[in-house]
Amino acid sequence: MFRRKILLIASLLSGLPGIVEAQAQTPSFPSQRITIIVPAAAGGATDIIGRILSQHLSKTLGQNVIVENRGGASGSTGALAVVRAAPDGHTLLLANNSQVVINQYVIKNIGYEPLTDLIPVAFVAEAPELMAVNKDFPARSFKEFVEVARARPGAFNYGSPGAGTPPHLAVERFMQVLDMKLVHVPFRGSAAAMADLATNNIQISMATLASIEPFRQAGTARILGIAAKKRLPAAPDVPTLEEQGFPDLEMGVWWGVLAPKGTPADVVKVLNAKMREAFNDPANTTVLEKLGISPFSESIEMFQDLINREAKMYATVIKNMGLEPQ
């Protein structure tokens, strides 16, 4: 009897290392509600994408996934909240290239280092910039536009939704690459810029299709080209700049999901796989394509490469502009 007790105790003790090891492993993910922080107001493109992702993740991960809108400081307020969150995958940032790449060059003391304090999880969507002009502008193509602008340096105004925004920097890059001179007029948002373009107070603006299309339909604006590799399904009649003889001028807004640095790789892998499935649903794809937004399903490595390339490109454009952080 005593011998049997000794053997039983020895057997139980021999299992302890396995028990301890199992307890030390990363807990199953997700173990609680997931919050996707959208650094913008409700109702915009970023918010729409965030809600599509939250609905899909709720279904596929078996946990409640909510969207929390945190605007302010061009999205830096929301980004900073994610940087300060626990690196466990339960707090995520749905950002565009302003928060991930541009803000560090145009805003003083944003409070975080976007290239090191955040890690890429999934690249989910992209909306190219389109060149729009007033209906009376003396050019019917982007090639003619370049010729007219070069012949009359400083004669035309272009509007943007503000200094340091992707549309502003897109036109500045075009001027640097194509040797043109246009006069910048900043507005509070693309809608205000397009309204002044329609009345010919400004002659040119870069914007996404969602901002331009109402004015094109009204006949007060024309689109000269798309700064993308492919035409948009929602505007198949508008040629790309590359088709018109101007390659390597792709510019636009993209959206991606990021997490605080230190988030476990296996958690990031799970999130990436689930998010890449979100736009397999044609209903979700249709919602975005009507806004001129193309959904993507790309690897984490591709997303990181995009961030690195854009950081170098925007740093060069902003340096050449002499734009100081404000």
C-alpha atoms as a PDB file:
ATOM      1  CA  MET A   1       0.000   0.000   0.000  1.00  0.00           C
ATOM      2  CA  PHE A   2       2.792   2.409   0.977  1.00  0.00           C
ATOM      3  CA  ARG A   3       4.659   1.546  -2.225  1.00  0.00           C
ATOM      4  CA  ARG A   4       1.565   2.361  -4.295  1.00  0.00           C
ATOM      5  CA  LYS A   5       1.276   5.795  -2.648  1.00  0.00           C
ATOM      6  CA  ILE A   6       4.919   6.566  -3.380  1.00  0.00           C
ATOM      7  CA  LEU A   7       4.457   5.613  -7.041  1.00  0.00           C
ATOM      8  CA  LEU A   8       1.303   7.756  -7.305  1.00  0.00           C
ATOM      9  CA  ILE A   9       3.051  10.811  -5.812  1.00  0.00           C
ATOM     10  CA  ALA A  10       6.023  10.324  -8.137  1.00  0.00           C
ATOM     11  CA  SER A  11       3.686  10.115 -11.101  1.00  0.00           C
ATOM     12  CA  LEU A  12       1.931  13.354 -10.133  1.00  0.00           C
ATOM     13  CA  LEU A  13       5.216  15.189  -9.564  1.00  0.00           C
ATOM     14  CA  SER A  14       6.550  14.079 -12.946  1.00  0.00           C
ATOM     15  CA  GLY A  15       3.636  15.878 -14.611  1.00  0.00           C
ATOM     16  CA  LEU A  16       4.318  19.244 -12.976  1.00  0.00           C
ATOM     17  CA  PRO A  17       6.821  20.566 -15.577  1.00  0.00           C
ATOM     18  CA  GLY A  18       4.228  20.032 -18.285  1.00  0.00           C
ATOM     19  CA  ILE A  19       1.584  21.812 -16.242  1.00  0.00           C
ATOM     20  CA  VAL A  20       3.877  24.760 -15.545  1.00  0.00           C
ATOM     21  CA  GLU A  21       4.887  24.915 -19.212  1.00  0.00           C
ATOM     22  CA  ALA A  22       1.262  24.925 -20.365  1.00  0.00           C
ATOM     23  CA  GLN A  23       0.436  27.758 -17.976  1.00  0.00           C
ATOM     24  CA  ALA A  24       3.379  29.799 -19.306  1.00  0.00           C
ATOM     25  CA  GLN A  25       2.168  29.685 -22.909  1.00  0.00           C
ATOM     26  CA  THR A  26       0.397  32.647 -24.526  1.00  0.00           C
ATOM     27  CA  PRO A  27      -3.323  32.582 -23.629  1.00  0.00           C
ATOM     28  CA  SER A  28      -5.703  31.809 -26.466  1.00  0.00           C
ATOM     29  CA  PHE A  29      -6.543  34.809 -28.647  1.00  0.00           C
ATOM     30  CA  PRO A  30      -8.811  36.654 -28.458  1.00  0.00           C
ATOM     31  CA  SER A  31      -9.583  36.367 -24.778  1.00  0.00           C
ATOM     32  CA  GLN A  32     -11.677  39.553 -24.511  1.00  0.00           C
ATOM     33  CA  ARG A  33     -13.369  42.263 -26.556  1.00  0.00           C
ATOM     34  CA  ILE A  34     -11.314  43.796 -29.373  1.00  0.00           C
ATOM     35  CA  THR A  35     -11.371  47.552 -29.963  1.00  0.00           C
ATOM     36  CA  ILE A  36     -10.512  49.034 -33.358  1.00  0.00           C
ATOM     37  CA  ILE A  37      -9.645  52.692 -32.874  1.00  0.00           C
ATOM     38  CA  VAL A  38     -10.574  54.827 -35.881  1.00  0.00           C
ATOM     39  CA  PRO A  39      -8.737  58.182 -35.670  1.00  0.00           C
ATOM     40  CA  ALA A  40     -11.518  60.036 -37.476  1.00  0.00           C
ATOM     41  CA  ALA A  41     -15.158  61.000 -37.096  1.00  0.00           C
ATOM     42  CA  ALA A  42     -17.966  58.548 -37.746  1.00  0.00           C
ATOM     43  CA  GLY A  43     -19.378  58.335 -41.244  1.00  0.00           C
ATOM     44  CA  GLY A  44     -16.215  58.835 -43.291  1.00  0.00           C
ATOM     45  CA  ALA A  45     -14.294  56.294 -45.356  1.00  0.00           C
ATOM     46  CA  THR A  46     -12.061  55.198 -42.470  1.00  0.00           C
ATOM     47  CA  ASP A  47     -15.094  54.627 -40.259  1.00  0.00           C
ATOM     48  CA  ILE A  48     -16.879  52.607 -42.976  1.00  0.00           C
ATOM     49  CA  ILE A  49     -13.846  50.356 -43.446  1.00  0.00           C
ATOM     50  CA  GLY A  50     -13.505  49.939 -39.687  1.00  0.00           C
ATOM     51  CA  ARG A  51     -17.109  48.815 -39.288  1.00  0.00           C
ATOM     52  CA  ILE A  52     -16.802  46.290 -42.111  1.00  0.00           C
ATOM     53  CA  LEU A  53     -13.733  44.837 -40.403  1.00  0.00           C
ATOM     54  CA  SER A  54     -15.351  44.828 -36.955  1.00  0.00           C
ATOM     55  CA  GLN A  55     -18.417  42.942 -38.206  1.00  0.00           C
ATOM     56  CA  HIS A  56     -16.271  40.348 -39.980  1.00  0.00           C
ATOM     57  CA  LEU A  57     -13.919  39.842 -37.024  1.00  0.00           C
ATOM     58  CA  SER A  58     -16.828  39.519 -34.595  1.00  0.00           C
ATOM     59  CA  LYS A  59     -18.192  36.639 -36.667  1.00  0.00           C
ATOM     60  CA  THR A  60     -14.912  34.855 -37.292  1.00  0.00           C
ATOM     61  CA  LEU A  61     -13.102  35.331 -33.968  1.00  0.00           C
ATOM     62  CA  GLY A  62     -16.044  34.675 -31.656  1.00  0.00           C
ATOM     63  CA  GLN A  63     -15.521  37.871 -29.660  1.00  0.00           C
ATOM     64  CA  ASN A  64     -17.221  41.237 -29.712  1.00  0.00           C
ATOM     65  CA  VAL A  65     -15.261  43.722 -31.867  1.00  0.00           C
ATOM     66  CA  ILE A  66     -16.154  47.399 -31.583  1.00  0.00           C
ATOM     67  CA  VAL A  67     -15.130  50.603 -33.389  1.00  0.00           C
ATOM     68  CA  GLU A  68     -14.097  53.569 -31.253  1.00  0.00           C
ATOM     69  CA  ASN A  69     -13.823  56.925 -33.045  1.00  0.00           C
ATOM     70  CA  ARG A  70     -11.021  59.129 -31.719  1.00  0.00           C
ATOM     71  CA  GLY A  71     -10.313  62.126 -33.930  1.00  0.00           C
ATOM     72  CA  GLY A  72      -7.961  65.040 -33.324  1.00  0.00           C
ATOM     73  CA  ALA A  73      -4.517  66.197 -34.461  1.00  0.00           C
ATOM     74  CA  SER A  74      -4.924  64.681 -37.936  1.00  0.00           C
ATOM     75  CA  GLY A  75      -5.513  61.285 -36.357  1.00  0.00           C
ATOM     76  CA  SER A  76      -2.502  61.363 -34.070  1.00  0.00           C
ATOM     77  CA  THR A  77      -4.679  61.318 -30.944  1.00  0.00           C
ATOM     78  CA  GLY A  78      -6.172  57.959 -31.883  1.00  0.00           C
ATOM     79  CA  ALA A  79      -2.804  56.564 -32.935  1.00  0.00           C
ATOM     80  CA  LEU A  80      -1.240  57.566 -29.625  1.00  0.00           C
ATOM     81  CA  ALA A  81      -4.006  55.755 -27.717  1.00  0.00           C
ATOM     82  CA  VAL A  82      -3.086  52.521 -29.509  1.00  0.00           C
ATOM     83  CA  VAL A  83       0.647  53.030 -28.946  1.00  0.00           C
ATOM     84  CA  ARG A  84      -0.071  53.244 -25.201  1.00  0.00           C
ATOM     85  CA  ALA A  85      -2.374  50.191 -25.147  1.00  0.00           C
ATOM     86  CA  ALA A  86      -1.395  46.716 -23.983  1.00  0.00           C
ATOM     87  CA  PRO A  87       0.435  44.878 -26.799  1.00  0.00           C
ATOM     88  CA  ASP A  88      -1.875  41.866 -26.811  1.00  0.00           C
ATOM     89  CA  GLY A  89      -3.907  42.347 -30.009  1.00  0.00           C
ATOM     90  CA  HIS A  90      -7.069  43.540 -28.283  1.00  0.00           C
ATOM     91  CA  THR A  91      -6.544  47.222 -29.186  1.00  0.00           C
ATOM     92  CA  LEU A  92      -5.890  47.977 -32.851  1.00  0.00           C
ATOM     93  CA  LEU A  93      -5.521  51.073 -35.016  1.00  0.00           C
ATOM     94  CA  LEU A  94      -7.181  51.458 -38.399  1.00  0.00           C
ATOM     95  CA  ALA A  95      -5.057  54.219 -39.895  1.00  0.00           C
ATOM     96  CA  ASN A  96      -4.345  55.828 -43.226  1.00  0.00           C
ATOM     97  CA  ASN A  97      -0.960  56.981 -44.473  1.00  0.00           C
ATOM     98  CA  SER A  98      -1.305  60.325 -42.680  1.00  0.00           C
ATOM     99  CA  GLN A  99      -1.079  58.720 -39.231  1.00  0.00           C
ATOM    100  CA  VAL A 100       1.458  56.060 -40.212  1.00  0.00           C
ATOM    101  CA  VAL A 101       3.801  58.006 -42.489  1.00  0.00           C
ATOM    102  CA  ILE A 102       3.067  61.707 -43.050  1.00  0.00           C
ATOM    103  CA  ASN A 103       2.259  63.173 -39.627  1.00  0.00           C
ATOM    104  CA  GLN A 104       5.761  62.614 -38.276  1.00  0.00           C
ATOM    105  CA  TYR A 105       7.065  65.104 -40.852  1.00  0.00           C
ATOM    106  CA  VAL A 106       4.373  67.802 -40.593  1.00  0.00           C
ATOM    107  CA  ILE A 107       3.238  67.825 -36.935  1.00  0.00           C
ATOM    108  CA  LYS A 108       5.491  68.779 -34.035  1.00  0.00           C
ATOM    109  CA  ASN A 109       5.653  66.397 -31.096  1.00  0.00           C
ATOM    110  CA  ILE A 110       2.995  63.905 -32.151  1.00  0.00           C
ATOM    111  CA  GLY A 111       3.965  61.814 -29.130  1.00  0.00           C
ATOM    112  CA  TYR A 112       4.910  58.567 -30.867  1.00  0.00           C
ATOM    113  CA  GLU A 113       7.293  57.151 -33.462  1.00  0.00           C
ATOM    114  CA  PRO A 114       4.993  55.642 -36.098  1.00  0.00           C
ATOM    115  CA  LEU A 115       7.676  53.530 -37.763  1.00  0.00           C
ATOM    116  CA  THR A 116       8.749  51.854 -34.522  1.00  0.00           C
ATOM    117  CA  ASP A 117       5.911  52.192 -31.984  1.00  0.00           C
ATOM    118  CA  LEU A 118       3.369  50.507 -34.280  1.00  0.00           C
ATOM    119  CA  ILE A 119       3.664  47.247 -36.182  1.00  0.00           C
ATOM    120  CA  PRO A 120       1.730  46.368 -39.354  1.00  0.00           C
ATOM    121  CA  VAL A 121      -1.094  43.855 -39.107  1.00  0.00           C
ATOM    122  CA  ALA A 122      -2.984  44.098 -42.406  1.00  0.00           C
ATOM    123  CA  PHE A 123      -3.123  46.353 -45.476  1.00  0.00           C
ATOM    124  CA  VAL A 124      -6.830  46.536 -46.283  1.00  0.00           C
ATOM    125  CA  ALA A 125      -7.731  49.248 -48.823  1.00  0.00           C
ATOM    126  CA  GLU A 126      -6.543  52.027 -51.094  1.00  0.00           C
ATOM    127  CA  ALA A 127      -8.095  55.039 -52.838  1.00  0.00           C
ATOM    128  CA  PRO A 128      -5.993  56.718 -55.540  1.00  0.00           C
ATOM    129  CA  GLU A 129      -5.903  60.464 -55.989  1.00  0.00           C
ATOM    130  CA  LEU A 130      -7.507  61.885 -59.132  1.00  0.00           C
ATOM    131  CA  MET A 131      -6.636  65.139 -60.853  1.00  0.00           C
ATOM    132  CA  ALA A 132      -9.740  67.309 -61.188  1.00  0.00           C
ATOM    133  CA  VAL A 133     -10.059  70.665 -62.955  1.00  0.00           C
ATOM    134  CA  ASN A 134     -12.808  73.193 -63.449  1.00  0.00           C
ATOM    135  CA  LYS A 135     -14.963  72.495 -66.511  1.00  0.00           C
ATOM    136  CA  ASP A 136     -13.460  75.505 -68.333  1.00  0.00           C
ATOM    137  CA  PHE A 137      -9.818  74.627 -67.729  1.00  0.00           C
ATOM    138  CA  PRO A 138      -7.902  74.684 -71.058  1.00  0.00           C
ATOM    139  CA  ALA A 139      -6.806  71.022 -71.016  1.00  0.00           C
ATOM    140  CA  ARG A 140      -8.660  67.832 -71.858  1.00  0.00           C
ATOM    141  CA  SER A 141      -5.985  65.366 -70.725  1.00  0.00           C
ATOM    142  CA  PHE A 142      -3.245  65.180 -68.132  1.00  0.00           C
ATOM    143  CA  LYS A 143      -0.618  65.607 -70.844  1.00  0.00           C
ATOM    144  CA  GLU A 144      -2.264  68.833 -71.989  1.00  0.00           C
ATOM    145  CA  PHE A 145      -2.543  69.932 -68.358  1.00  0.00           C
ATOM    146  CA  VAL A 146       1.230  69.570 -67.881  1.00  0.00           C
ATOM    147  CA  GLU A 147       1.900  71.554 -71.061  1.00  0.00           C
ATOM    148  CA  VAL A 148      -0.450  74.372 -70.021  1.00  0.00           C
ATOM    149  CA  ALA A 149       0.917  74.522 -66.465  1.00  0.00           C
ATOM    150  CA  ARG A 150       4.525  74.630 -67.664  1.00  0.00           C
ATOM    151  CA  ALA A 151       3.727  77.398 -70.136  1.00  0.00           C
ATOM    152  CA  ARG A 152       2.077  79.562 -67.441  1.00  0.00           C
ATOM    153  CA  PRO A 153       3.982  79.026 -64.162  1.00  0.00           C
ATOM    154  CA  GLY A 154       2.109  80.322 -61.131  1.00  0.00           C
ATOM    155  CA  ALA A 155      -1.013  81.202 -63.130  1.00  0.00           C
ATOM    156  CA  PHE A 156      -3.267  78.487 -61.685  1.00  0.00           C
ATOM    157  CA  ASN A 157      -4.433  77.732 -58.136  1.00  0.00           C
ATOM    158  CA  TYR A 158      -4.927  74.267 -56.725  1.00  0.00           C
ATOM    159  CA  GLY A 159      -6.906  73.441 -53.640  1.00  0.00           C
ATOM    160  CA  SER A 160      -6.309  70.758 -51.010  1.00  0.00           C
ATOM    161  CA  PRO A 161      -7.971  69.713 -47.734  1.00  0.00           C
ATOM    162  CA  GLY A 162      -5.054  71.268 -45.853  1.00  0.00           C
ATOM    163  CA  ALA A 163      -1.275  71.560 -45.682  1.00  0.00           C
ATOM    164  CA  GLY A 164       0.451  68.207 -45.284  1.00  0.00           C
ATOM    165  CA  THR A 165      -2.518  66.116 -46.401  1.00  0.00           C
ATOM    166  CA  PRO A 166      -2.063  63.399 -49.047  1.00  0.00           C
ATOM    167  CA  PRO A 167      -3.765  65.479 -51.814  1.00  0.00           C
ATOM    168  CA  HIS A 168      -1.542  68.478 -51.031  1.00  0.00           C
ATOM    169  CA  LEU A 169       1.618  66.387 -51.097  1.00  0.00           C
ATOM    170  CA  ALA A 170       0.492  64.616 -54.280  1.00  0.00           C
ATOM    171  CA  VAL A 171       0.333  67.898 -56.217  1.00  0.00           C
ATOM    172  CA  GLU A 172       3.621  69.039 -54.706  1.00  0.00           C
ATOM    173  CA  ARG A 173       5.258  65.821 -55.859  1.00  0.00           C
ATOM    174  CA  PHE A 174       3.847  66.310 -59.359  1.00  0.00           C
ATOM    175  CA  MET A 175       5.279  69.825 -59.450  1.00  0.00           C
ATOM    176  CA  GLN A 176       8.701  68.574 -58.377  1.00  0.00           C
ATOM    177  CA  VAL A 177       8.785  65.676 -60.818  1.00  0.00           C
ATOM    178  CA  LEU A 178       7.148  67.429 -63.789  1.00  0.00           C
ATOM    179  CA  ASP A 179       8.711  70.903 -63.379  1.00  0.00           C
ATOM    180  CA  MET A 180       5.467  72.845 -62.899  1.00  0.00           C
ATOM    181  CA  LYS A 181       4.516  75.745 -60.624  1.00  0.00           C
ATOM    182  CA  LEU A 182       1.007  75.977 -59.161  1.00  0.00           C
ATOM    183  CA  VAL A 183      -0.252  78.064 -56.238  1.00  0.00           C
ATOM    184  CA  HIS A 184      -1.544  76.168 -53.200  1.00  0.00           C
ATOM    185  CA  VAL A 185      -4.830  77.199 -51.546  1.00  0.00           C
ATOM    186  CA  PRO A 186      -5.585  75.150 -48.391  1.00  0.00           C
ATOM    187  CA  PHE A 187      -9.186  74.409 -47.365  1.00  0.00           C
ATOM    188  CA  ARG A 188     -10.841  72.659 -44.450  1.00  0.00           C
ATOM    189  CA  GLY A 189     -11.627  69.432 -46.231  1.00  0.00           C
ATOM    190  CA  SER A 190     -11.942  68.182 -49.791  1.00  0.00           C
ATOM    191  CA  ALA A 191     -15.618  69.153 -50.061  1.00  0.00           C
ATOM    192  CA  ALA A 192     -14.790  72.845 -49.549  1.00  0.00           C
ATOM    193  CA  ALA A 193     -11.971  72.677 -52.093  1.00  0.00           C
ATOM    194  CA  MET A 194     -14.193  71.008 -54.684  1.00  0.00           C
ATOM    195  CA  ALA A 195     -16.952  73.594 -54.122  1.00  0.00           C
ATOM    196  CA  ASP A 196     -14.495  76.388 -54.957  1.00  0.00           C
ATOM    197  CA  LEU A 197     -13.220  74.445 -57.955  1.00  0.00           C
ATOM    198  CA  ALA A 198     -16.772  74.170 -59.259  1.00  0.00           C
ATOM    199  CA  THR A 199     -17.117  77.978 -59.186  1.00  0.00           C
ATOM    200  CA  ASN A 200     -13.621  78.485 -60.676  1.00  0.00           C
ATOM    201  CA  ASN A 201     -12.220  80.220 -57.593  1.00  0.00           C
ATOM    202  CA  ILE A 202      -9.524  77.579 -57.913  1.00  0.00           C
ATOM    203  CA  GLN A 203      -8.807  75.666 -61.076  1.00  0.00           C
ATOM    204  CA  ILE A 204      -7.280  72.380 -59.882  1.00  0.00           C
ATOM    205  CA  SER A 205      -7.613  69.887 -57.053  1.00  0.00           C
ATOM    206  CA  MET A 206      -6.435  66.396 -56.215  1.00  0.00           C
ATOM    207  CA  ALA A 207      -9.013  64.281 -54.421  1.00  0.00           C
ATOM    208  CA  THR A 208     -10.483  60.792 -54.250  1.00  0.00           C
ATOM    209  CA  LEU A 209     -13.392  59.800 -56.475  1.00  0.00           C
ATOM    210  CA  ALA A 210     -15.955  60.124 -53.679  1.00  0.00           C
ATOM    211  CA  SER A 211     -15.139  63.837 -53.337  1.00  0.00           C
ATOM    212  CA  ILE A 212     -15.023  64.594 -57.072  1.00  0.00           C
ATOM    213  CA  GLU A 213     -17.851  62.497 -58.517  1.00  0.00           C
ATOM    214  CA  PRO A 214     -20.808  64.713 -57.458  1.00  0.00           C
ATOM    215  CA  PHE A 215     -19.200  67.683 -59.216  1.00  0.00           C
ATOM    216  CA  ARG A 216     -18.343  65.637 -62.283  1.00  0.00           C
ATOM    217  CA  GLN A 217     -21.930  64.440 -62.475  1.00  0.00           C
ATOM    218  CA  ALA A 218     -23.103  68.066 -62.174  1.00  0.00           C
ATOM    219  CA  GLY A 219     -20.826  69.059 -65.050  1.00  0.00           C
ATOM    220  CA  THR A 220     -18.795  71.585 -63.046  1.00  0.00           C
ATOM    221  CA  ALA A 221     -15.590  69.536 -62.875  1.00  0.00           C
ATOM    222  CA  ARG A 222     -13.646  67.190 -65.128  1.00  0.00           C
ATOM    223  CA  ILE A 223     -11.220  64.417 -64.194  1.00  0.00           C
ATOM    224  CA  LEU A 224      -7.978  64.349 -66.173  1.00  0.00           C
ATOM    225  CA  GLY A 225      -6.473  61.159 -64.775  1.00  0.00           C
ATOM    226  CA  ILE A 226      -6.008  58.683 -61.945  1.00  0.00           C
ATOM    227  CA  ALA A 227      -2.714  58.435 -60.061  1.00  0.00           C
ATOM    228  CA  ALA A 228      -2.850  54.636 -59.930  1.00  0.00           C
ATOM    229  CA  LYS A 229      -1.727  51.540 -61.821  1.00  0.00           C
ATOM    230  CA  LYS A 230      -5.283  50.553 -62.773  1.00  0.00           C
ATOM    231  CA  ARG A 231      -8.531  52.279 -63.635  1.00  0.00           C
ATOM    232  CA  LEU A 232     -11.283  52.393 -61.060  1.00  0.00           C
ATOM    233  CA  PRO A 233     -14.361  50.163 -61.499  1.00  0.00           C
ATOM    234  CA  ALA A 234     -16.555  53.119 -60.510  1.00  0.00           C
ATOM    235  CA  ALA A 235     -14.961  55.380 -63.158  1.00  0.00           C
ATOM    236  CA  PRO A 236     -13.847  53.081 -65.992  1.00  0.00           C
ATOM    237  CA  ASP A 237     -13.783  55.945 -68.501  1.00  0.00           C
ATOM    238  CA  VAL A 238     -11.016  57.828 -66.665  1.00  0.00           C
ATOM    239  CA  PRO A 239      -7.503  56.826 -67.789  1.00  0.00           C
ATOM    240  CA  THR A 240      -4.540  56.447 -65.465  1.00  0.00           C
ATOM    241  CA  LEU A 241      -1.598  58.838 -65.623  1.00  0.00           C
ATOM    242  CA  GLU A 242       0.578  55.939 -66.733  1.00  0.00           C
ATOM    243  CA  GLU A 243      -1.693  55.328 -69.720  1.00  0.00           C
ATOM    244  CA  GLN A 244      -1.127  58.967 -70.672  1.00  0.00           C
ATOM    245  CA  GLY A 245       2.650  58.638 -70.603  1.00  0.00           C
ATOM    246  CA  PHE A 246       3.413  59.480 -66.954  1.00  0.00           C
ATOM    247  CA  PRO A 247       4.500  56.318 -65.097  1.00  0.00           C
ATOM    248  CA  ASP A 248       5.529  56.061 -61.431  1.00  0.00           C
ATOM    249  CA  LEU A 249       3.253  58.858 -60.236  1.00  0.00           C
ATOM    250  CA  GLU A 250       0.961  56.716 -58.103  1.00  0.00           C
ATOM    251  CA  MET A 251      -0.402  58.724 -55.189  1.00  0.00           C
ATOM    252  CA  GLY A 252      -3.330  58.073 -52.916  1.00  0.00           C
ATOM    253  CA  VAL A 253      -4.762  57.306 -49.533  1.00  0.00           C
ATOM    254  CA  TRP A 254      -4.455  53.807 -48.109  1.00  0.00           C
ATOM    255  CA  TRP A 255      -5.774  52.153 -44.988  1.00  0.00           C
ATOM    256  CA  GLY A 256      -4.157  49.543 -42.817  1.00  0.00           C
ATOM    257  CA  VAL A 257      -4.494  47.988 -39.380  1.00  0.00           C
ATOM    258  CA  LEU A 258      -1.635  48.302 -36.907  1.00  0.00           C
ATOM    259  CA  ALA A 259      -0.949  47.156 -33.361  1.00  0.00           C
ATOM    260  CA  PRO A 260       1.335  48.341 -30.530  1.00  0.00           C
ATOM    261  CA  LYS A 261       4.913  47.144 -30.817  1.00  0.00           C
ATOM    262  CA  GLY A 262       5.484  43.967 -28.835  1.00  0.00           C
ATOM    263  CA  THR A 263       2.225  42.353 -29.924  1.00  0.00           C
ATOM    264  CA  PRO A 264       2.974  38.609 -30.268  1.00  0.00           C
ATOM    265  CA  ALA A 265       3.678  37.424 -33.807  1.00  0.00           C
ATOM    266  CA  ASP A 266       1.165  34.588 -33.544  1.00  0.00           C
ATOM    267  CA  VAL A 267      -1.580  37.063 -32.632  1.00  0.00           C
ATOM    268  CA  VAL A 268      -0.655  39.311 -35.563  1.00  0.00           C
ATOM    269  CA  LYS A 269      -0.739  36.295 -37.853  1.00  0.00           C
ATOM    270  CA  VAL A 270      -4.269  35.373 -36.737  1.00  0.00           C
ATOM    271  CA  LEU A 271      -5.511  38.929 -37.227  1.00  0.00           C
ATOM    272  CA  ASN A 272      -3.898  39.229 -40.654  1.00  0.00           C
ATOM    273  CA  ALA A 273      -5.501  36.011 -41.860  1.00  0.00           C
ATOM    274  CA  LYS A 274      -8.975  37.022 -40.670  1.00  0.00           C
ATOM    275  CA  MET A 275      -8.763  40.547 -42.089  1.00  0.00           C
ATOM    276  CA  ARG A 276      -7.661  39.278 -45.470  1.00  0.00           C
ATOM    277  CA  GLU A 277     -10.931  37.361 -45.613  1.00  0.00           C
ATOM    278  CA  ALA A 278     -13.122  40.412 -44.900  1.00  0.00           C
ATOM    279  CA  PHE A 279     -13.475  41.495 -48.505  1.00  0.00           C
ATOM    280  CA  ASN A 280     -14.154  38.053 -49.918  1.00  0.00           C
ATOM    281  CA  ASP A 281     -17.762  39.101 -49.405  1.00  0.00           C
ATOM    282  CA  PRO A 282     -18.890  40.910 -52.607  1.00  0.00           C
ATOM    283  CA  ALA A 283     -21.266  43.057 -50.566  1.00  0.00           C
ATOM    284  CA  ASN A 284     -18.342  44.558 -48.660  1.00  0.00           C
ATOM    285  CA  THR A 285     -16.333  45.067 -51.834  1.00  0.00           C
ATOM    286  CA  THR A 286     -19.225  46.838 -53.547  1.00  0.00           C
ATOM    287  CA  VAL A 287     -19.606  49.325 -50.679  1.00  0.00           C
ATOM    288  CA  LEU A 288     -15.986  50.432 -51.047  1.00  0.00           C
ATOM    289  CA  GLU A 289     -15.774  50.400 -54.837  1.00  0.00           C
ATOM    290  CA  LYS A 290     -18.689  52.840 -55.062  1.00  0.00           C
ATOM    291  CA  LEU A 291     -16.488  55.255 -53.098  1.00  0.00           C
ATOM    292  CA  GLY A 292     -13.524  54.721 -55.413  1.00  0.00           C
ATOM    293  CA  ILE A 293     -11.793  52.547 -52.805  1.00  0.00           C
ATOM    294  CA  SER A 294     -10.175  49.242 -53.723  1.00  0.00           C
ATOM    295  CA  PRO A 295      -9.970  46.525 -51.033  1.00  0.00           C
ATOM    296  CA  PHE A 296      -6.722  44.592 -50.755  1.00  0.00           C
ATOM    297  CA  SER A 297      -5.561  41.306 -49.293  1.00  0.00           C
ATOM    298  CA  GLU A 298      -1.812  41.545 -48.828  1.00  0.00           C
ATOM    299  CA  SER A 299       0.882  40.049 -46.625  1.00  0.00           C
ATOM    300  CA  ILE A 300       2.331  41.748 -43.564  1.00  0.00           C
ATOM    301  CA  GLU A 301       5.667  41.954 -45.371  1.00  0.00           C
ATOM    302  CA  MET A 302       4.091  43.816 -48.288  1.00  0.00           C
ATOM    303  CA  PHE A 303       2.483  46.293 -45.892  1.00  0.00           C
ATOM    304  CA  GLN A 304       5.784  46.929 -44.115  1.00  0.00           C
ATOM    305  CA  ASP A 305       7.522  47.484 -47.449  1.00  0.00           C
ATOM    306  CA  LEU A 306       4.849  50.006 -48.478  1.00  0.00           C
ATOM    307  CA  ILE A 307       5.291  51.932 -45.214  1.00  0.00           C
ATOM    308  CA  ASN A 308       9.068  52.063 -45.668  1.00  0.00           C
ATOM    309  CA  ARG A 309       8.852  53.222 -49.295  1.00  0.00           C
ATOM    310  CA  GLU A 310       6.278  55.921 -48.595  1.00  0.00           C
ATOM    311  CA  ALA A 311       8.209  57.211 -45.595  1.00  0.00           C
ATOM    312  CA  LYS A 312      11.223  57.850 -47.839  1.00  0.00           C
ATOM    313  CA  MET A 313       9.127  59.361 -50.635  1.00  0.00           C
ATOM    314  CA  TYR A 314       7.168  61.761 -48.404  1.00  0.00           C
ATOM    315  CA  ALA A 315      10.300  62.756 -46.482  1.00  0.00           C
ATOM    316  CA  THR A 316      11.903  63.792 -49.778  1.00  0.00           C
ATOM    317  CA  VAL A 317       8.836  65.670 -51.052  1.00  0.00           C
ATOM    318  CA  ILE A 318       8.388  67.575 -47.780  1.00  0.00           C
ATOM    319  CA  LYS A 319      12.091  68.420 -47.530  1.00  0.00           C
ATOM    320  CA  ASN A 320      12.093  69.798 -51.082  1.00  0.00           C
ATOM    321  CA  MET A 321       9.004  71.874 -50.236  1.00  0.00           C
ATOM    322  CA  GLY A 322      10.648  73.344 -47.165  1.00  0.00           C
ATOM    323  CA  LEU A 323       7.526  72.528 -45.172  1.00  0.00           C
ATOM    324  CA  GLU A 324       8.216  72.859 -41.452  1.00  0.00           C
ATOM    325  CA  PRO A 325       6.329  70.857 -38.794  1.00  0.00           C
ATOM    326  CA  GLN A 326       3.557  72.893 -37.175  1.00  0.00           C
END
